[in-house]
Amino acid sequence: MAGLTSSTIGRKYAMALSAMFLLSFLVIHVSSNMTSVFSEDVYNVVAHFMGYNPLVQYVLQPVLAIGVIFHFVMGFILEIKNNKARPIKYANNNGAANSTWVSRNMIISGAVILAFFALHFYDFWFPELDYKFIAHNAIDETRYYGELHHKFHDIWRVAIYVIAFVLLGLHLAHGFQSSFQSVGARHPKYTPVIKAVGFWFSVLVPLGFIIIAIFHYVTQ
């Protein structure tokens, strides 16, 4: 029993650390993409730097991919183990009285977000790999804005992105605070601050992505 408990705590701790890493990635990603709303030239410079910097390409990008896979796989594992630990469903159990819908369905929002990541990789990451490493096209430092702008030509794709970012916000609303709790950041003085920061993070970051998608659609 002790070994199982330690293992479970270790998994939660590892998942929390991977979540914090992904939170930092979201800030960088939304900040760099937001430049496309204000300046085509600035976005091209930022995107070219991110696309050809060796540290980003050969260190941070693989670590990011591993982090995404690890976080979601670990989430599924913890969900399965939690369900096995609670095999009896009490008839009068009112989950809504003790927790939010989001906290009880993190696995659902996580699965949808994972599917969205697959679409996002299909839209941007795979074409970039093909452009640079398969087709071996000449370097064009002005292509990035046009490629991003074109992706949001169709309303159905914009709708998918908006829905995915709303679910991301709901996922972050619980996951931000939960990740800090899992690493032991619980204190009467600091917990309210963490909750407040988590709330605004879960609102502003997804909203930023939504603004980017809608901007490029309405400016076609």
Protein backbone atom coordinates (compact mmCIF):
# COMPACT_ATOMS: atom_id res chain seq x y z
CA MET A 1 0.00 0.00 0.00
CA ALA A 2 2.79 2.40 0.91
CA GLY A 3 4.54 1.67 -2.38
CA LEU A 4 1.32 2.29 -4.31
CA THR A 5 0.73 5.58 -2.49
CA SER A 6 4.25 6.78 -3.13
CA SER A 7 3.94 5.83 -6.76
CA THR A 8 0.67 7.74 -7.10
CA ILE A 9 2.12 10.82 -5.42
CA GLY A 10 5.14 10.61 -7.69
CA ARG A 11 2.92 10.47 -10.77
CA LYS A 12 0.93 13.50 -9.62
CA TYR A 13 4.13 15.39 -8.91
CA ALA A 14 5.57 14.56 -12.33
CA MET A 15 2.32 15.52 -14.02
CA ALA A 16 2.29 18.84 -12.14
CA LEU A 17 5.83 19.64 -13.29
CA SER A 18 4.95 18.81 -16.89
CA ALA A 19 1.87 21.05 -16.57
CA MET A 20 4.02 23.96 -15.37
CA PHE A 21 6.32 23.46 -18.34
CA LEU A 22 3.34 23.50 -20.72
CA LEU A 23 1.99 26.64 -19.03
CA SER A 24 5.23 28.45 -19.84
CA PHE A 25 5.02 27.21 -23.42
CA LEU A 26 1.49 28.61 -23.76
CA VAL A 27 2.69 32.06 -22.67
CA ILE A 28 5.50 32.04 -25.23
CA HIS A 29 3.23 30.68 -27.96
CA VAL A 30 0.38 33.15 -27.50
CA SER A 31 2.82 36.06 -27.14
CA SER A 32 4.67 35.26 -30.35
CA ASN A 33 1.49 34.62 -32.33
CA MET A 34 -0.17 37.77 -31.00
CA THR A 35 2.44 39.82 -32.86
CA SER A 36 0.66 38.77 -36.09
CA VAL A 37 -2.33 40.87 -35.02
CA PHE A 38 -0.23 44.03 -34.80
CA SER A 39 2.52 43.66 -37.40
CA GLU A 40 3.11 41.29 -40.30
CA ASP A 41 6.82 42.14 -40.37
CA VAL A 42 7.34 41.59 -36.65
CA TYR A 43 5.54 38.26 -36.79
CA ASN A 44 7.71 37.14 -39.70
CA VAL A 45 10.85 37.99 -37.72
CA VAL A 46 9.63 36.17 -34.60
CA ALA A 47 8.42 33.12 -36.52
CA HIS A 48 11.65 32.88 -38.51
CA PHE A 49 13.70 33.03 -35.32
CA MET A 50 11.59 30.29 -33.74
CA GLY A 51 11.72 28.23 -36.91
CA TYR A 52 15.47 28.28 -37.49
CA ASN A 53 17.04 28.78 -34.08
CA PRO A 54 18.92 25.51 -33.30
CA LEU A 55 18.09 25.66 -29.59
CA VAL A 56 14.38 25.95 -30.34
CA GLN A 57 14.35 23.40 -33.13
CA TYR A 58 16.56 20.64 -31.74
CA VAL A 59 16.14 21.04 -27.97
CA LEU A 60 12.99 22.90 -26.96
CA GLN A 61 10.73 21.53 -29.69
CA PRO A 62 11.45 17.83 -28.98
CA VAL A 63 11.16 18.49 -25.24
CA LEU A 64 7.80 20.17 -25.87
CA ALA A 65 6.50 17.21 -27.87
CA ILE A 66 7.62 14.80 -25.16
CA GLY A 67 6.09 17.04 -22.48
CA VAL A 68 2.71 17.13 -24.23
CA ILE A 69 2.62 13.36 -24.68
CA PHE A 70 3.84 12.71 -21.13
CA HIS A 71 1.30 15.07 -19.55
CA PHE A 72 -1.72 13.60 -21.29
CA VAL A 73 -0.62 9.97 -20.97
CA MET A 74 0.01 10.50 -17.26
CA GLY A 75 -3.41 12.13 -16.95
CA PHE A 76 -5.09 9.10 -18.49
CA ILE A 77 -3.12 6.75 -16.23
CA LEU A 78 -4.08 8.67 -13.10
CA GLU A 79 -7.73 8.74 -14.18
CA ILE A 80 -7.78 4.99 -14.71
CA LYS A 81 -6.14 4.34 -11.34
CA ASN A 82 -8.53 6.72 -9.58
CA ASN A 83 -11.50 4.92 -11.13
CA LYS A 84 -10.14 1.55 -10.05
CA ALA A 85 -9.69 2.88 -6.53
CA ARG A 86 -13.37 3.89 -6.50
CA PRO A 87 -15.13 0.87 -8.01
CA ILE A 88 -18.40 1.48 -6.14
CA LYS A 89 -20.62 4.23 -7.45
CA TYR A 90 -22.78 5.48 -4.63
CA ALA A 91 -26.38 6.05 -5.67
CA ASN A 92 -26.74 9.22 -3.63
CA ASN A 93 -23.36 10.68 -4.42
CA ASN A 94 -23.73 14.29 -5.58
CA GLY A 95 -20.42 15.19 -7.22
CA ALA A 96 -21.55 18.70 -8.06
CA ALA A 97 -21.88 19.48 -4.37
CA ASN A 98 -18.19 18.81 -3.73
CA SER A 99 -16.45 19.76 -6.97
CA THR A 100 -16.92 21.58 -10.25
CA TRP A 101 -17.84 19.93 -13.54
CA VAL A 102 -14.42 20.85 -14.91
CA SER A 103 -12.52 19.15 -12.06
CA ARG A 104 -14.63 15.99 -12.46
CA ASN A 105 -14.14 15.87 -16.23
CA MET A 106 -10.53 16.88 -16.76
CA ILE A 107 -10.03 13.68 -18.72
CA ILE A 108 -12.71 14.75 -21.22
CA SER A 109 -11.39 18.27 -21.76
CA GLY A 110 -7.87 16.82 -21.88
CA ALA A 111 -8.82 14.34 -24.60
CA VAL A 112 -10.42 17.08 -26.71
CA ILE A 113 -7.37 19.31 -26.26
CA LEU A 114 -5.10 16.42 -27.25
CA ALA A 115 -7.14 15.97 -30.44
CA PHE A 116 -6.80 19.71 -31.05
CA PHE A 117 -3.02 19.45 -30.66
CA ALA A 118 -3.06 16.80 -33.39
CA LEU A 119 -4.94 19.21 -35.67
CA HIS A 120 -2.58 22.03 -34.75
CA PHE A 121 0.45 19.89 -35.60
CA TYR A 122 -1.22 18.93 -38.88
CA ASP A 123 -1.88 22.58 -39.71
CA PHE A 124 1.50 24.06 -38.79
CA TRP A 125 4.19 21.70 -37.51
CA PHE A 126 4.05 19.01 -40.20
CA PRO A 127 3.97 21.51 -43.11
CA GLU A 128 6.95 23.27 -41.54
CA LEU A 129 8.90 20.02 -41.32
CA ASP A 130 8.01 19.23 -44.92
CA TYR A 131 9.04 22.72 -46.08
CA LYS A 132 12.46 22.62 -44.43
CA PHE A 133 13.53 18.99 -44.30
CA ILE A 134 11.68 17.12 -47.05
CA ALA A 135 11.05 19.61 -49.84
CA HIS A 136 14.25 21.51 -48.94
CA ASN A 137 12.78 24.82 -50.04
CA ALA A 138 14.91 27.93 -50.04
CA ILE A 139 14.69 30.04 -46.88
CA ASP A 140 11.95 32.65 -47.16
CA GLU A 141 11.83 34.96 -44.16
CA THR A 142 8.53 36.56 -45.26
CA ARG A 143 6.35 33.46 -45.71
CA TYR A 144 5.12 32.96 -42.14
CA TYR A 145 2.39 35.58 -41.91
CA GLY A 146 0.79 34.45 -45.16
CA GLU A 147 0.82 30.81 -44.06
CA LEU A 148 -0.77 31.64 -40.71
CA HIS A 149 -3.33 33.98 -42.28
CA HIS A 150 -4.38 31.39 -44.87
CA LYS A 151 -5.06 28.71 -42.23
CA PHE A 152 -7.99 30.71 -40.89
CA HIS A 153 -9.72 31.20 -44.23
CA ASP A 154 -12.57 28.80 -43.43
CA ILE A 155 -15.09 29.49 -40.69
CA TRP A 156 -15.30 25.81 -39.68
CA ARG A 157 -11.60 25.77 -38.83
CA VAL A 158 -11.94 28.97 -36.81
CA ALA A 159 -14.89 27.43 -34.96
CA ILE A 160 -12.85 24.34 -34.09
CA TYR A 161 -10.03 26.50 -32.76
CA VAL A 162 -12.40 28.67 -30.71
CA ILE A 163 -14.12 25.65 -29.15
CA ALA A 164 -10.76 24.04 -28.40
CA PHE A 165 -9.47 27.21 -26.72
CA VAL A 166 -12.63 27.52 -24.61
CA LEU A 167 -12.07 23.96 -23.41
CA LEU A 168 -8.41 24.79 -22.84
CA GLY A 169 -9.51 27.66 -20.61
CA LEU A 170 -11.76 25.35 -18.60
CA HIS A 171 -8.95 22.82 -18.33
CA LEU A 172 -6.52 25.50 -17.16
CA ALA A 173 -9.01 26.89 -14.64
CA HIS A 174 -8.63 23.72 -12.60
CA GLY A 175 -5.25 22.49 -13.79
CA PHE A 176 -3.30 25.65 -12.93
CA GLN A 177 -4.19 25.56 -9.25
CA SER A 178 -4.04 21.77 -9.08
CA SER A 179 -0.49 21.66 -10.42
CA PHE A 180 0.74 24.02 -7.70
CA GLN A 181 -1.09 22.04 -5.02
CA SER A 182 0.51 18.83 -6.25
CA VAL A 183 4.01 20.22 -5.65
CA GLY A 184 3.07 21.35 -2.16
CA ALA A 185 2.31 25.03 -2.79
CA ARG A 186 -0.45 25.28 -0.18
CA HIS A 187 -0.47 28.16 2.24
CA PRO A 188 -3.27 30.43 3.54
CA LYS A 189 -1.28 33.44 2.38
CA TYR A 190 -0.32 32.25 -1.10
CA THR A 191 -3.19 29.97 -2.16
CA PRO A 192 -5.59 32.89 -2.88
CA VAL A 193 -2.89 34.50 -5.04
CA ILE A 194 -2.37 31.24 -6.95
CA LYS A 195 -6.12 30.95 -7.48
CA ALA A 196 -6.34 34.54 -8.77
CA VAL A 197 -3.38 34.13 -11.12
CA GLY A 198 -4.78 30.81 -12.31
CA PHE A 199 -8.15 32.37 -13.05
CA TRP A 200 -6.73 35.20 -15.14
CA PHE A 201 -4.28 32.86 -16.85
CA SER A 202 -7.13 30.52 -17.83
CA VAL A 203 -9.05 33.50 -19.26
CA LEU A 204 -6.39 35.64 -20.94
CA VAL A 205 -4.28 32.95 -22.65
CA PRO A 206 -7.19 31.17 -24.41
CA LEU A 207 -8.76 34.56 -25.19
CA GLY A 208 -5.52 35.63 -26.84
CA PHE A 209 -5.55 32.57 -29.10
CA ILE A 210 -9.23 33.16 -29.93
CA ILE A 211 -8.52 36.78 -30.86
CA ILE A 212 -5.73 35.65 -33.19
CA ALA A 213 -7.95 33.12 -34.97
CA ILE A 214 -10.87 35.54 -35.37
CA PHE A 215 -8.61 38.39 -36.48
CA HIS A 216 -7.14 36.37 -39.32
CA TYR A 217 -10.58 35.19 -40.39
CA VAL A 218 -12.21 38.63 -40.51
CA THR A 219 -9.22 40.18 -42.30
CA GLN A 220 -9.20 37.69 -45.18
